[in-house]
Structure formats: C-alpha cells, structure tokens
N, C-alpha and C. Protein backbone atom coordinates (compact mmCIF):
# COMPACT_ATOMS: atom_id res chain seq x y z
N MET A 1 96.82 8.36 -43.07
CA MET A 1 95.30 8.50 -42.60
C MET A 1 95.86 8.51 -41.07
N ALA A 2 94.22 9.37 -40.54
CA ALA A 2 94.58 9.68 -39.21
C ALA A 2 93.38 8.72 -38.25
N ASN A 3 93.52 8.65 -36.91
CA ASN A 3 92.63 7.83 -36.00
C ASN A 3 91.23 8.43 -35.56
N TYR A 4 90.27 8.25 -36.01
CA TYR A 4 89.30 9.19 -35.66
C TYR A 4 88.44 8.00 -34.63
N GLU A 5 87.20 8.63 -33.72
CA GLU A 5 86.13 8.14 -33.33
C GLU A 5 85.09 9.06 -33.39
N VAL A 6 83.76 8.21 -33.99
CA VAL A 6 82.72 8.91 -34.07
C VAL A 6 81.48 8.07 -33.17
N MET A 7 80.90 9.14 -32.17
CA MET A 7 80.21 8.58 -31.36
C MET A 7 78.40 9.29 -31.80
N PHE A 8 77.50 8.62 -31.75
CA PHE A 8 76.36 9.22 -32.56
C PHE A 8 75.36 8.25 -31.33
N ILE A 9 74.37 9.04 -31.36
CA ILE A 9 72.67 8.79 -30.74
C ILE A 9 71.78 8.93 -31.23
N LEU A 10 71.09 7.38 -31.47
CA LEU A 10 69.87 7.31 -32.40
C LEU A 10 68.59 7.46 -31.91
N ASP A 11 67.70 7.85 -32.64
CA ASP A 11 66.33 7.96 -31.95
C ASP A 11 65.76 6.68 -31.23
N PRO A 12 65.27 6.73 -29.77
CA PRO A 12 65.06 5.56 -29.40
C PRO A 12 63.82 4.83 -29.92
N ALA A 13 63.08 5.67 -30.61
CA ALA A 13 61.87 5.00 -31.15
C ALA A 13 61.89 4.32 -32.25
N LEU A 14 62.90 4.32 -32.93
CA LEU A 14 63.21 3.41 -34.20
C LEU A 14 63.13 1.77 -33.95
N GLU A 15 62.88 1.38 -34.75
CA GLU A 15 62.59 -0.60 -34.87
C GLU A 15 64.21 -0.82 -34.83
N ASP A 16 64.39 -1.64 -34.35
CA ASP A 16 65.61 -2.42 -34.16
C ASP A 16 66.51 -2.41 -35.57
N ASP A 17 65.72 -2.91 -36.66
CA ASP A 17 66.35 -3.10 -37.77
C ASP A 17 66.53 -1.75 -38.60
N LYS A 18 66.15 -0.39 -38.45
CA LYS A 18 66.25 1.05 -38.86
C LYS A 18 67.60 1.37 -38.06
N LYS A 19 67.97 0.90 -36.73
CA LYS A 19 68.91 1.31 -35.87
C LYS A 19 70.08 0.28 -36.61
N ASP A 20 69.80 -0.82 -36.78
CA ASP A 20 71.30 -1.76 -37.57
C ASP A 20 71.37 -1.24 -38.85
N ALA A 21 70.50 -0.80 -39.47
CA ALA A 21 70.69 0.02 -40.98
C ALA A 21 71.38 1.47 -40.65
N THR A 22 70.92 2.11 -39.81
CA THR A 22 71.68 3.21 -39.47
C THR A 22 73.05 3.49 -39.40
N VAL A 23 73.64 2.27 -38.12
CA VAL A 23 74.90 1.85 -38.29
C VAL A 23 75.68 0.90 -39.50
N GLU A 24 74.78 0.54 -40.02
CA GLU A 24 75.64 0.00 -41.20
C GLU A 24 75.42 1.05 -42.39
N THR A 25 74.91 2.08 -42.45
CA THR A 25 75.26 3.31 -43.22
C THR A 25 76.66 3.72 -42.80
N VAL A 26 76.27 4.21 -41.56
CA VAL A 26 77.74 5.21 -41.26
C VAL A 26 78.92 4.00 -41.46
N LYS A 27 78.74 3.00 -41.26
CA LYS A 27 80.06 2.10 -41.28
C LYS A 27 80.56 1.82 -43.08
N THR A 28 79.30 2.08 -43.98
CA THR A 28 79.34 2.00 -45.39
C THR A 28 80.18 3.29 -45.63
N ILE A 29 79.85 4.31 -45.10
CA ILE A 29 80.12 5.74 -45.43
C ILE A 29 82.01 6.03 -45.06
N ILE A 30 82.45 5.32 -43.81
CA ILE A 30 83.54 5.11 -43.33
C ILE A 30 84.09 4.49 -44.42
N ALA A 31 84.01 3.09 -44.62
CA ALA A 31 85.03 2.17 -45.35
C ALA A 31 84.95 2.59 -46.92
N SER A 32 83.92 3.74 -47.71
CA SER A 32 84.42 4.02 -48.82
C SER A 32 85.67 4.90 -48.89
N GLU A 33 86.09 5.59 -47.70
CA GLU A 33 87.54 6.20 -47.97
C GLU A 33 88.38 5.35 -46.75
N GLY A 34 88.21 4.84 -45.72
CA GLY A 34 88.66 4.45 -45.13
C GLY A 34 88.67 2.95 -44.09
N GLU A 35 89.06 2.97 -43.00
CA GLU A 35 89.13 1.54 -42.60
C GLU A 35 88.07 1.90 -41.27
N VAL A 36 87.11 0.56 -41.47
CA VAL A 36 86.43 0.55 -40.00
C VAL A 36 87.05 -0.10 -39.25
N GLY A 37 87.38 0.36 -37.62
CA GLY A 37 87.96 -0.52 -36.65
C GLY A 37 86.69 -0.83 -35.94
N ASN A 38 86.77 -0.84 -34.28
CA ASN A 38 85.94 -1.56 -33.42
C ASN A 38 84.67 -0.52 -33.87
N VAL A 39 83.55 -1.32 -33.54
CA VAL A 39 82.65 -0.69 -33.37
C VAL A 39 81.67 -1.59 -32.12
N ASP A 40 81.43 -0.34 -31.34
CA ASP A 40 80.96 -0.49 -30.10
C ASP A 40 79.77 0.12 -29.83
N VAL A 41 78.20 -1.31 -29.92
CA VAL A 41 77.05 -0.68 -29.60
C VAL A 41 76.76 -0.59 -27.96
N TRP A 42 76.46 0.69 -27.34
CA TRP A 42 76.16 0.61 -26.14
C TRP A 42 75.14 0.33 -25.55
N GLY A 43 74.13 0.52 -26.74
CA GLY A 43 72.55 0.25 -26.42
C GLY A 43 71.93 1.47 -25.88
N MET A 44 70.47 1.53 -25.56
CA MET A 44 69.59 2.63 -24.75
C MET A 44 70.64 2.94 -23.47
N LYS A 45 70.65 4.14 -23.63
CA LYS A 45 71.20 4.64 -22.12
C LYS A 45 70.21 6.10 -21.85
N LYS A 46 70.44 6.45 -20.84
CA LYS A 46 69.69 7.50 -20.21
C LYS A 46 70.42 9.11 -20.89
N LEU A 47 70.12 9.90 -21.40
CA LEU A 47 70.44 11.07 -21.86
C LEU A 47 70.77 11.85 -20.38
N ALA A 48 71.71 12.73 -20.61
CA ALA A 48 72.06 13.67 -19.35
C ALA A 48 70.98 15.05 -19.27
N TYR A 49 70.49 15.33 -20.50
CA TYR A 49 69.54 16.42 -20.79
C TYR A 49 68.70 15.92 -22.03
N PRO A 50 67.51 16.10 -21.39
CA PRO A 50 66.37 15.71 -23.07
C PRO A 50 66.95 16.35 -24.29
N ILE A 51 66.71 15.42 -25.50
CA ILE A 51 67.15 16.18 -26.84
C ILE A 51 65.57 15.71 -27.48
N GLN A 52 65.33 16.94 -28.02
CA GLN A 52 64.14 16.55 -29.00
C GLN A 52 63.10 15.63 -28.21
N LYS A 53 62.89 16.18 -26.82
CA LYS A 53 61.52 15.45 -25.89
C LYS A 53 61.81 14.33 -25.40
N LYS A 54 63.07 13.57 -25.80
CA LYS A 54 63.69 12.47 -25.46
C LYS A 54 64.17 12.19 -24.18
N ALA A 55 64.49 11.17 -23.47
CA ALA A 55 64.80 10.99 -22.22
C ALA A 55 65.96 9.73 -22.39
N GLU A 56 66.11 9.09 -23.56
CA GLU A 56 66.91 7.82 -23.78
C GLU A 56 67.53 8.20 -25.16
N GLY A 57 68.36 7.39 -25.27
CA GLY A 57 69.13 7.57 -26.52
C GLY A 57 69.69 6.41 -27.04
N TYR A 58 70.26 5.56 -28.16
CA TYR A 58 70.75 4.45 -28.46
C TYR A 58 71.83 4.75 -28.80
N TYR A 59 72.98 4.62 -28.36
CA TYR A 59 74.42 4.95 -27.99
C TYR A 59 74.91 4.00 -29.04
N VAL A 60 76.09 4.27 -29.92
CA VAL A 60 77.01 3.43 -30.55
C VAL A 60 78.15 4.37 -30.95
N VAL A 61 79.56 3.96 -30.80
CA VAL A 61 80.71 4.58 -30.99
C VAL A 61 81.42 3.50 -32.06
N VAL A 62 82.04 4.65 -33.01
CA VAL A 62 83.02 4.02 -33.86
C VAL A 62 84.27 4.20 -33.80
N GLU A 63 85.14 2.95 -34.13
CA GLU A 63 86.70 3.81 -34.44
C GLU A 63 86.68 3.60 -35.69
N PHE A 64 87.69 4.62 -36.46
CA PHE A 64 88.16 4.25 -37.83
C PHE A 64 89.46 4.91 -38.17
N LYS A 65 89.95 4.95 -39.22
CA LYS A 65 90.93 5.21 -39.58
C LYS A 65 90.69 6.05 -41.23
N ALA A 66 90.80 7.26 -41.59
CA ALA A 66 90.66 7.90 -42.56
C ALA A 66 91.37 8.72 -43.15
N PRO A 67 91.53 9.48 -44.12
CA PRO A 67 91.99 10.66 -44.45
C PRO A 67 90.96 12.22 -43.96
N HIS A 68 91.99 12.78 -43.69
CA HIS A 68 91.17 14.34 -43.22
C HIS A 68 89.88 14.89 -43.92
N THR A 69 89.70 14.35 -45.30
CA THR A 69 88.62 14.63 -45.84
C THR A 69 87.30 13.96 -45.48
N LEU A 70 87.17 12.97 -44.95
CA LEU A 70 86.30 12.07 -44.53
C LEU A 70 85.40 12.50 -43.39
N PRO A 71 85.72 13.07 -42.68
CA PRO A 71 85.13 13.32 -41.28
C PRO A 71 84.27 14.74 -41.57
N LYS A 72 84.49 15.49 -42.51
CA LYS A 72 83.85 16.26 -42.87
C LYS A 72 82.65 15.85 -43.80
N GLU A 73 82.56 14.92 -44.48
CA GLU A 73 81.39 14.39 -45.33
C GLU A 73 80.73 13.67 -44.07
N LEU A 74 81.40 12.84 -43.30
CA LEU A 74 80.43 12.05 -42.58
C LEU A 74 79.52 12.94 -41.42
N ASP A 75 80.18 13.83 -41.23
CA ASP A 75 79.52 15.11 -40.16
C ASP A 75 78.46 15.80 -41.16
N ARG A 76 78.43 15.73 -42.51
CA ARG A 76 77.43 16.39 -43.26
C ARG A 76 76.23 15.23 -43.47
N ARG A 77 76.51 14.27 -43.53
CA ARG A 77 75.52 12.96 -43.83
C ARG A 77 74.78 12.67 -42.16
N LEU A 78 75.68 12.90 -41.29
CA LEU A 78 74.84 12.88 -40.14
C LEU A 78 73.97 13.58 -39.65
N LYS A 79 74.23 14.84 -40.08
CA LYS A 79 73.69 16.11 -39.63
C LYS A 79 72.35 16.02 -40.37
N ILE A 80 72.09 15.01 -41.69
CA ILE A 80 71.10 15.34 -42.49
C ILE A 80 70.00 14.09 -42.14
N SER A 81 70.61 13.47 -41.42
CA SER A 81 69.58 12.14 -41.11
C SER A 81 69.02 12.11 -39.89
N ASP A 82 67.68 11.95 -40.07
CA ASP A 82 66.57 11.99 -39.58
C ASP A 82 66.65 10.94 -38.03
N ASN A 83 67.47 9.69 -38.25
CA ASN A 83 67.93 8.99 -37.33
C ASN A 83 68.68 9.21 -35.93
N VAL A 84 69.68 10.23 -36.46
CA VAL A 84 70.85 10.78 -35.56
C VAL A 84 69.91 11.81 -34.94
N MET A 85 70.07 11.68 -33.33
CA MET A 85 69.97 12.84 -32.50
C MET A 85 71.10 13.85 -32.41
N ARG A 86 72.34 13.15 -32.53
CA ARG A 86 73.44 13.93 -32.29
C ARG A 86 74.64 13.00 -32.21
N HIS A 87 75.45 14.02 -33.11
CA HIS A 87 76.88 12.96 -32.99
C HIS A 87 78.05 14.17 -32.59
N ILE A 88 79.35 13.09 -32.22
CA ILE A 88 80.52 14.10 -32.47
C ILE A 88 81.46 12.64 -33.29
N ILE A 89 82.44 13.79 -33.62
CA ILE A 89 83.59 12.89 -34.37
C ILE A 89 84.79 13.50 -33.60
N ILE A 90 85.93 12.60 -33.39
CA ILE A 90 86.77 13.24 -32.44
C ILE A 90 88.12 12.59 -33.35
N ASN A 91 89.25 13.25 -33.62
CA ASN A 91 90.17 13.36 -34.02
C ASN A 91 91.31 12.49 -32.86
N LYS A 92 91.55 11.15 -32.86
CA LYS A 92 92.25 10.71 -31.66
C LYS A 92 93.61 10.76 -31.48
N ASP A 93 94.17 11.28 -33.04
CA ASP A 93 95.90 11.39 -32.89
C ASP A 93 96.21 13.09 -32.28
N GLU A 94 95.16 13.83 -32.17
CA GLU A 94 95.65 14.98 -31.91
C GLU A 94 95.41 15.29 -30.45
N LYS A 95 96.66 15.80 -29.79
CA LYS A 95 96.44 16.12 -28.30
C LYS A 95 97.04 17.42 -27.80
C-alpha cells in the first residue's frame, strides 16, 4: 500500500450537513480498500482564481494509505460529484 493525499474544494454554497456528508463519502470510498489517515478541514478560503464564478471554496485534505487501484476510482467518483469543484490526488511516496 502506498501513501496518498487528496485535497478537494467543495462548493461554498452547500449547507454544512452536505459538506460533512461529502467528506464522509470520500472517507468511506477510501476505507473500502485502504486506511484513512489524518483528515484536515481547512474550511472556507479565498480561491486564487474564480472557479464556476465562485471566489471562495471549502478546502479539505485527507491523507490515506491504499493500493494503487484506489486513486483512480476515487478520482472518477470526485469528477462526477456536483459538490466538488476541484480535487487533486498525490502519491506521497513518489519523489
């Protein structure tokens, strides 16, 4: 299993319970095949440039360990989510 980190930006217009539900969904996807590590919720931050005509986003960073097949599935699920504006998955073992 490799060490990964996923950062995603949620739509700031979402209610708090939908934001929490989205974070829990990501953790559930990871836990299905891997191990969820540190979950760091940064909260509302100003974006460097507008995304979908929004100037702010709700940032969340999740560290996890998983087999090499999980990031591809996680990426696919985050792309089709309406709540997620942007995301990036990083393999922390590759240097």
